PDB file of N, CA and C in Angstrom:
ATOM      1  N   UNK A   1       2.563   1.074   7.486  1.00  0.00           N
ATOM      2  CA  UNK A   1       1.298   0.458   7.180  1.00  0.00           C
ATOM      3  C   UNK A   1       1.510  -1.067   7.148  1.00  0.00           C
ATOM      4  N   UNK A   2       0.732  -1.767   7.926  1.00  0.00           N
ATOM      5  CA  UNK A   2       0.872  -3.214   7.994  1.00  0.00           C
ATOM      6  C   UNK A   2      -0.021  -3.892   6.968  1.00  0.00           C
ATOM      7  N   UNK A   3       0.466  -4.995   6.416  1.00  0.00           N
ATOM      8  CA  UNK A   3      -0.268  -5.723   5.389  1.00  0.00           C
ATOM      9  C   UNK A   3      -1.564  -6.303   5.959  1.00  0.00           C
ATOM     10  N   UNK A   4      -1.564  -6.670   7.239  1.00  0.00           N
ATOM     11  CA  UNK A   4      -2.774  -7.205   7.857  1.00  0.00           C
ATOM     12  C   UNK A   4      -3.889  -6.150   7.885  1.00  0.00           C
ATOM     13  N   UNK A   5      -3.528  -4.887   8.060  1.00  0.00           N
ATOM     14  CA  UNK A   5      -4.506  -3.802   8.039  1.00  0.00           C
ATOM     15  C   UNK A   5      -5.045  -3.594   6.627  1.00  0.00           C
ATOM     16  N   UNK A   6      -4.178  -3.712   5.648  1.00  0.00           N
ATOM     17  CA  UNK A   6      -4.557  -3.465   4.263  1.00  0.00           C
ATOM     18  C   UNK A   6      -5.480  -4.564   3.741  1.00  0.00           C
ATOM     19  N   UNK A   7      -5.244  -5.802   4.143  1.00  0.00           N
ATOM     20  CA  UNK A   7      -6.045  -6.924   3.653  1.00  0.00           C
ATOM     21  C   UNK A   7      -7.514  -6.804   4.011  1.00  0.00           C
ATOM     22  N   UNK A   8      -7.832  -6.086   5.066  1.00  0.00           N
ATOM     23  CA  UNK A   8      -9.213  -5.935   5.503  1.00  0.00           C
ATOM     24  C   UNK A   8      -9.986  -4.905   4.694  1.00  0.00           C
ATOM     25  N   UNK A   9      -9.293  -4.100   3.889  1.00  0.00           N
ATOM     26  CA  UNK A   9      -9.940  -3.031   3.136  1.00  0.00           C
ATOM     27  C   UNK A   9     -10.608  -3.564   1.876  1.00  0.00           C
ATOM     28  N   UNK A  10     -11.671  -2.872   1.439  1.00  0.00           N
ATOM     29  CA  UNK A  10     -12.336  -3.222   0.194  1.00  0.00           C
ATOM     30  C   UNK A  10     -11.563  -2.615  -0.979  1.00  0.00           C
ATOM     31  N   UNK A  11     -11.970  -2.972  -2.171  1.00  0.00           N
ATOM     32  CA  UNK A  11     -11.313  -2.474  -3.387  1.00  0.00           C
ATOM     33  C   UNK A  11     -11.369  -0.938  -3.438  1.00  0.00           C
ATOM     34  N   UNK A  12     -12.532  -0.366  -3.144  1.00  0.00           N
ATOM     35  CA  UNK A  12     -12.694   1.088  -3.196  1.00  0.00           C
ATOM     36  C   UNK A  12     -11.835   1.772  -2.130  1.00  0.00           C
ATOM     37  N   UNK A  13     -11.775   1.178  -0.952  1.00  0.00           N
ATOM     38  CA  UNK A  13     -10.954   1.747   0.114  1.00  0.00           C
ATOM     39  C   UNK A  13      -9.471   1.669  -0.251  1.00  0.00           C
ATOM     40  N   UNK A  14      -9.074   0.585  -0.923  1.00  0.00           N
ATOM     41  CA  UNK A  14      -7.684   0.455  -1.362  1.00  0.00           C
ATOM     42  C   UNK A  14      -7.335   1.544  -2.368  1.00  0.00           C
ATOM     43  N   UNK A  15      -8.248   1.793  -3.303  1.00  0.00           N
ATOM     44  CA  UNK A  15      -8.007   2.828  -4.314  1.00  0.00           C
ATOM     45  C   UNK A  15      -7.893   4.213  -3.666  1.00  0.00           C
ATOM     46  N   UNK A  16      -8.758   4.479  -2.700  1.00  0.00           N
ATOM     47  CA  UNK A  16      -8.719   5.758  -1.999  1.00  0.00           C
ATOM     48  C   UNK A  16      -7.411   5.904  -1.222  1.00  0.00           C
ATOM     49  N   UNK A  17      -7.032   4.853  -0.531  1.00  0.00           N
ATOM     50  CA  UNK A  17      -5.795   4.858   0.252  1.00  0.00           C
ATOM     51  C   UNK A  17      -4.586   5.067  -0.671  1.00  0.00           C
ATOM     52  N   UNK A  18      -4.585   4.393  -1.825  1.00  0.00           N
ATOM     53  CA  UNK A  18      -3.487   4.522  -2.785  1.00  0.00           C
ATOM     54  C   UNK A  18      -3.375   5.962  -3.283  1.00  0.00           C
ATOM     55  N   UNK A  19      -4.500   6.581  -3.578  1.00  0.00           N
ATOM     56  CA  UNK A  19      -4.497   7.972  -4.032  1.00  0.00           C
ATOM     57  C   UNK A  19      -3.926   8.893  -2.956  1.00  0.00           C
ATOM     58  N   UNK A  20      -4.341   8.667  -1.717  1.00  0.00           N
ATOM     59  CA  UNK A  20      -3.839   9.494  -0.608  1.00  0.00           C
ATOM     60  C   UNK A  20      -2.330   9.333  -0.421  1.00  0.00           C
ATOM     61  N   UNK A  21      -1.856   8.098  -0.513  1.00  0.00           N
ATOM     62  CA  UNK A  21      -0.419   7.843  -0.316  1.00  0.00           C
ATOM     63  C   UNK A  21       0.386   8.476  -1.451  1.00  0.00           C
ATOM     64  N   UNK A  22      -0.137   8.403  -2.676  1.00  0.00           N
ATOM     65  CA  UNK A  22       0.565   9.009  -3.809  1.00  0.00           C
ATOM     66  C   UNK A  22       0.624  10.529  -3.672  1.00  0.00           C
ATOM     67  N   UNK A  23      -0.445  11.126  -3.157  1.00  0.00           N
ATOM     68  CA  UNK A  23      -0.438  12.577  -2.927  1.00  0.00           C
ATOM     69  C   UNK A  23       0.601  12.945  -1.862  1.00  0.00           C
ATOM     70  N   UNK A  24       0.668  12.134  -0.828  1.00  0.00           N
ATOM     71  CA  UNK A  24       1.655  12.379   0.237  1.00  0.00           C
ATOM     72  C   UNK A  24       3.071  12.256  -0.305  1.00  0.00           C
ATOM     73  N   UNK A  25       3.298  11.266  -1.154  1.00  0.00           N
ATOM     74  CA  UNK A  25       4.615  11.071  -1.757  1.00  0.00           C
ATOM     75  C   UNK A  25       4.999  12.277  -2.612  1.00  0.00           C
ATOM     76  N   UNK A  26       4.050  12.771  -3.393  1.00  0.00           N
ATOM     77  CA  UNK A  26       4.311  13.951  -4.210  1.00  0.00           C
ATOM     78  C   UNK A  26       4.693  15.140  -3.340  1.00  0.00           C
ATOM     79  N   UNK A  27       3.960  15.314  -2.258  1.00  0.00           N
ATOM     80  CA  UNK A  27       4.234  16.421  -1.341  1.00  0.00           C
ATOM     81  C   UNK A  27       5.634  16.315  -0.741  1.00  0.00           C
ATOM     82  N   UNK A  28       6.005  15.103  -0.330  1.00  0.00           N
ATOM     83  CA  UNK A  28       7.337  14.910   0.260  1.00  0.00           C
ATOM     84  C   UNK A  28       8.441  15.142  -0.768  1.00  0.00           C
ATOM     85  N   UNK A  29       8.218  14.690  -1.987  1.00  0.00           N
ATOM     86  CA  UNK A  29       9.217  14.920  -3.037  1.00  0.00           C
ATOM     87  C   UNK A  29       9.384  16.415  -3.303  1.00  0.00           C
ATOM     88  N   UNK A  30       8.278  17.124  -3.269  1.00  0.00           N
ATOM     89  CA  UNK A  30       8.336  18.570  -3.472  1.00  0.00           C
ATOM     90  C   UNK A  30       9.106  19.239  -2.341  1.00  0.00           C
ATOM     91  N   UNK A  31       8.840  18.814  -1.102  1.00  0.00           N
ATOM     92  CA  UNK A  31       9.570  19.359   0.047  1.00  0.00           C
ATOM     93  C   UNK A  31      11.059  19.051  -0.062  1.00  0.00           C
ATOM     94  N   UNK A  32      11.384  17.846  -0.527  1.00  0.00           N
ATOM     95  CA  UNK A  32      12.792  17.465  -0.664  1.00  0.00           C
ATOM     96  C   UNK A  32      13.494  18.356  -1.685  1.00  0.00           C
ATOM     97  N   UNK A  33      12.814  18.630  -2.798  1.00  0.00           N
ATOM     98  CA  UNK A  33      13.440  19.453  -3.835  1.00  0.00           C
ATOM     99  C   UNK A  33      13.682  20.889  -3.359  1.00  0.00           C
ATOM    100  N   UNK A  34      12.864  21.342  -2.409  1.00  0.00           N
ATOM    101  CA  UNK A  34      13.027  22.691  -1.865  1.00  0.00           C
ATOM    102  C   UNK A  34      13.953  22.708  -0.654  1.00  0.00           C
ATOM    103  N   UNK A  35      14.426  21.529  -0.242  1.00  0.00           N
ATOM    104  CA  UNK A  35      15.343  21.457   0.886  1.00  0.00           C
ATOM    105  C   UNK A  35      14.667  21.560   2.240  1.00  0.00           C
ATOM    106  N   UNK A  36      13.364  21.278   2.293  1.00  0.00           N
ATOM    107  CA  UNK A  36      12.619  21.416   3.538  1.00  0.00           C
ATOM    108  C   UNK A  36      12.323  20.080   4.211  1.00  0.00           C
ATOM    109  N   UNK A  37      12.684  18.992   3.590  1.00  0.00           N
ATOM    110  CA  UNK A  37      12.349  17.668   4.125  1.00  0.00           C
ATOM    111  C   UNK A  37      13.412  17.236   5.123  1.00  0.00           C
ATOM    112  N   UNK A  38      12.972  16.894   6.335  1.00  0.00           N
ATOM    113  CA  UNK A  38      13.901  16.456   7.368  1.00  0.00           C
ATOM    114  C   UNK A  38      14.048  14.941   7.394  1.00  0.00           C
ATOM    115  N   UNK A  39      12.957  14.211   7.157  1.00  0.00           N
ATOM    116  CA  UNK A  39      12.973  12.758   7.226  1.00  0.00           C
ATOM    117  C   UNK A  39      12.908  12.175   5.813  1.00  0.00           C
ATOM    118  N   UNK A  40      14.057  11.899   5.236  1.00  0.00           N
ATOM    119  CA  UNK A  40      14.133  11.388   3.874  1.00  0.00           C
ATOM    120  C   UNK A  40      13.601   9.951   3.793  1.00  0.00           C
ATOM    121  N   UNK A  41      13.659   9.216   4.896  1.00  0.00           N
ATOM    122  CA  UNK A  41      13.167   7.833   4.915  1.00  0.00           C
ATOM    123  C   UNK A  41      11.658   7.761   4.713  1.00  0.00           C
ATOM    124  N   UNK A  42      10.954   8.850   4.940  1.00  0.00           N
ATOM    125  CA  UNK A  42       9.505   8.862   4.742  1.00  0.00           C
ATOM    126  C   UNK A  42       9.156   8.580   3.287  1.00  0.00           C
ATOM    127  N   UNK A  43       9.982   9.064   2.369  1.00  0.00           N
ATOM    128  CA  UNK A  43       9.750   8.815   0.943  1.00  0.00           C
ATOM    129  C   UNK A  43       9.868   7.322   0.661  1.00  0.00           C
ATOM    130  N   UNK A  44      10.888   6.705   1.194  1.00  0.00           N
ATOM    131  CA  UNK A  44      11.100   5.277   0.983  1.00  0.00           C
ATOM    132  C   UNK A  44       9.929   4.460   1.550  1.00  0.00           C
ATOM    133  N   UNK A  45       9.473   4.845   2.732  1.00  0.00           N
ATOM    134  CA  UNK A  45       8.369   4.128   3.367  1.00  0.00           C
ATOM    135  C   UNK A  45       7.072   4.269   2.568  1.00  0.00           C
ATOM    136  N   UNK A  46       6.823   5.451   2.016  1.00  0.00           N
ATOM    137  CA  UNK A  46       5.618   5.640   1.212  1.00  0.00           C
ATOM    138  C   UNK A  46       5.685   4.830  -0.082  1.00  0.00           C
ATOM    139  N   UNK A  47       6.860   4.732  -0.668  1.00  0.00           N
ATOM    140  CA  UNK A  47       7.008   3.914  -1.869  1.00  0.00           C
ATOM    141  C   UNK A  47       6.707   2.449  -1.570  1.00  0.00           C
ATOM    142  N   UNK A  48       7.135   1.978  -0.417  1.00  0.00           N
ATOM    143  CA  UNK A  48       6.847   0.605  -0.015  1.00  0.00           C
ATOM    144  C   UNK A  48       5.347   0.420   0.216  1.00  0.00           C
ATOM    145  N   UNK A  49       4.709   1.420   0.805  1.00  0.00           N
ATOM    146  CA  UNK A  49       3.268   1.347   1.021  1.00  0.00           C
ATOM    147  C   UNK A  49       2.510   1.281  -0.303  1.00  0.00           C
ATOM    148  N   UNK A  50       2.966   2.053  -1.279  1.00  0.00           N
ATOM    149  CA  UNK A  50       2.345   2.027  -2.602  1.00  0.00           C
ATOM    150  C   UNK A  50       2.486   0.639  -3.216  1.00  0.00           C
ATOM    151  N   UNK A  51       3.642   0.040  -3.092  1.00  0.00           N
ATOM    152  CA  UNK A  51       3.869  -1.299  -3.629  1.00  0.00           C
ATOM    153  C   UNK A  51       2.957  -2.322  -2.947  1.00  0.00           C
ATOM    154  N   UNK A  52       2.807  -2.208  -1.633  1.00  0.00           N
ATOM    155  CA  UNK A  52       1.925  -3.132  -0.903  1.00  0.00           C
ATOM    156  C   UNK A  52       0.480  -2.997  -1.368  1.00  0.00           C
ATOM    157  N   UNK A  53       0.021  -1.749  -1.507  1.00  0.00           N
ATOM    158  CA  UNK A  53      -1.350  -1.516  -1.930  1.00  0.00           C
ATOM    159  C   UNK A  53      -1.597  -2.037  -3.338  1.00  0.00           C
ATOM    160  N   UNK A  54      -0.681  -1.744  -4.254  1.00  0.00           N
ATOM    161  CA  UNK A  54      -0.850  -2.188  -5.633  1.00  0.00           C
ATOM    162  C   UNK A  54      -0.796  -3.709  -5.744  1.00  0.00           C
ATOM    163  N   UNK A  55       0.065  -4.335  -4.971  1.00  0.00           N
ATOM    164  CA  UNK A  55       0.161  -5.794  -4.988  1.00  0.00           C
ATOM    165  C   UNK A  55      -1.128  -6.425  -4.490  1.00  0.00           C
ATOM    166  N   UNK A  56      -1.641  -5.926  -3.397  1.00  0.00           N
ATOM    167  CA  UNK A  56      -2.874  -6.484  -2.847  1.00  0.00           C
ATOM    168  C   UNK A  56      -4.056  -6.241  -3.778  1.00  0.00           C
ATOM    169  N   UNK A  57      -4.101  -5.077  -4.414  1.00  0.00           N
ATOM    170  CA  UNK A  57      -5.174  -4.803  -5.375  1.00  0.00           C
ATOM    171  C   UNK A  57      -5.112  -5.788  -6.533  1.00  0.00           C
ATOM    172  N   UNK A  58      -3.922  -6.081  -6.999  1.00  0.00           N
ATOM    173  CA  UNK A  58      -3.763  -7.027  -8.109  1.00  0.00           C
ATOM    174  C   UNK A  58      -4.144  -8.443  -7.671  1.00  0.00           C
ATOM    175  N   UNK A  59      -3.763  -8.828  -6.463  1.00  0.00           N
ATOM    176  CA  UNK A  59      -4.122 -10.143  -5.949  1.00  0.00           C
ATOM    177  C   UNK A  59      -5.637 -10.292  -5.859  1.00  0.00           C
ATOM    178  N   UNK A  60      -6.310  -9.243  -5.387  1.00  0.00           N
ATOM    179  CA  UNK A  60      -7.768  -9.298  -5.300  1.00  0.00           C
ATOM    180  C   UNK A  60      -8.390  -9.360  -6.685  1.00  0.00           C
ATOM    181  N   UNK A  61      -7.795  -8.654  -7.632  1.00  0.00           N
ATOM    182  CA  UNK A  61      -8.290  -8.665  -9.007  1.00  0.00           C
ATOM    183  C   UNK A  61      -8.197 -10.062  -9.609  1.00  0.00           C
ATOM    184  N   UNK A  62      -7.117 -10.759  -9.320  1.00  0.00           N
ATOM    185  CA  UNK A  62      -6.909 -12.097  -9.858  1.00  0.00           C
ATOM    186  C   UNK A  62      -7.578 -13.191  -9.027  1.00  0.00           C
ATOM    187  N   UNK A  63      -8.081 -12.817  -7.862  1.00  0.00           N
ATOM    188  CA  UNK A  63      -8.716 -13.791  -6.995  1.00  0.00           C
ATOM    189  C   UNK A  63      -7.732 -14.599  -6.181  1.00  0.00           C
ATOM    190  N   UNK A  64      -6.511 -14.152  -6.098  1.00  0.00           N
ATOM    191  CA  UNK A  64      -5.479 -14.884  -5.358  1.00  0.00           C
ATOM    192  C   UNK A  64      -5.657 -14.737  -3.851  1.00  0.00           C
ATOM    193  N   UNK A  65      -6.241 -13.647  -3.420  1.00  0.00           N
ATOM    194  CA  UNK A  65      -6.410 -13.394  -1.994  1.00  0.00           C
ATOM    195  C   UNK A  65      -7.304 -14.464  -1.362  1.00  0.00           C
ATOM    196  N   UNK A  66      -8.402 -14.818  -2.032  1.00  0.00           N
ATOM    197  CA  UNK A  66      -9.311 -15.818  -1.497  1.00  0.00           C
ATOM    198  C   UNK A  66      -8.656 -17.196  -1.474  1.00  0.00           C
ATOM    199  N   UNK A  67      -7.878 -17.502  -2.496  1.00  0.00           N
ATOM    200  CA  UNK A  67      -7.211 -18.804  -2.564  1.00  0.00           C
ATOM    201  C   UNK A  67      -6.231 -18.982  -1.413  1.00  0.00           C
ATOM    202  N   UNK A  68      -5.526 -17.918  -1.035  1.00  0.00           N
ATOM    203  CA  UNK A  68      -4.571 -17.996   0.063  1.00  0.00           C
ATOM    204  C   UNK A  68      -5.274 -18.319   1.371  1.00  0.00           C
ATOM    205  N   UNK A  69      -6.422 -17.677   1.592  1.00  0.00           N
ATOM    206  CA  UNK A  69      -7.169 -17.917   2.823  1.00  0.00           C
ATOM    207  C   UNK A  69      -7.661 -19.360   2.880  1.00  0.00           C
ATOM    208  N   UNK A  70      -8.129 -19.892   1.766  1.00  0.00           N
ATOM    209  CA  UNK A  70      -8.612 -21.273   1.724  1.00  0.00           C
ATOM    210  C   UNK A  70      -7.451 -22.219   1.939  1.00  0.00           C
ATOM    211  N   UNK A  71      -6.333 -21.962   1.276  1.00  0.00           N
ATOM    212  CA  UNK A  71      -5.167 -22.814   1.383  1.00  0.00           C
ATOM    213  C   UNK A  71      -4.638 -22.826   2.819  1.00  0.00           C
ATOM    214  N   UNK A  72      -4.702 -21.674   3.472  1.00  0.00           N
ATOM    215  CA  UNK A  72      -4.234 -21.575   4.842  1.00  0.00           C
ATOM    216  C   UNK A  72      -5.029 -22.512   5.746  1.00  0.00           C
ATOM    217  N   UNK A  73      -6.328 -22.565   5.530  1.00  0.00           N
ATOM    218  CA  UNK A  73      -7.178 -23.417   6.337  1.00  0.00           C
ATOM    219  C   UNK A  73      -6.930 -24.897   6.099  1.00  0.00           C
ATOM    220  N   UNK A  74      -6.577 -25.286   4.888  1.00  0.00           N
ATOM    221  CA  UNK A  74      -6.323 -26.693   4.565  1.00  0.00           C
ATOM    222  C   UNK A  74      -5.013 -27.193   5.164  1.00  0.00           C
ATOM    223  N   UNK A  75      -4.048 -26.309   5.317  1.00  0.00           N
ATOM    224  CA  UNK A  75      -2.740 -26.709   5.831  1.00  0.00           C
ATOM    225  C   UNK A  75      -2.797 -27.105   7.301  1.00  0.00           C
ATOM    226  N   UNK A  76      -3.751 -26.621   8.005  1.00  0.00           N
ATOM    227  CA  UNK A  76      -3.813 -26.866   9.450  1.00  0.00           C
ATOM    228  C   UNK A  76      -4.472 -28.134   9.752  1.00  0.00           C
TER     229      UNK A  76
END
């Protein structure tokens, strides 16, 4: 999941996406415990996706996302 794709989502879409990713992570952990998981790196990737989503949600909550966009325009 790319951060550029995530930045375009609304708060509600981010929450929905986060819930879906957490469900997928739970499923993979369950498969791993039963010895059925072939791609162990998928767990690591989902954890990173969760971190990206939570970070962006927090940035939007604090209003940091808008400040970055404004600052980007001033630098040019």
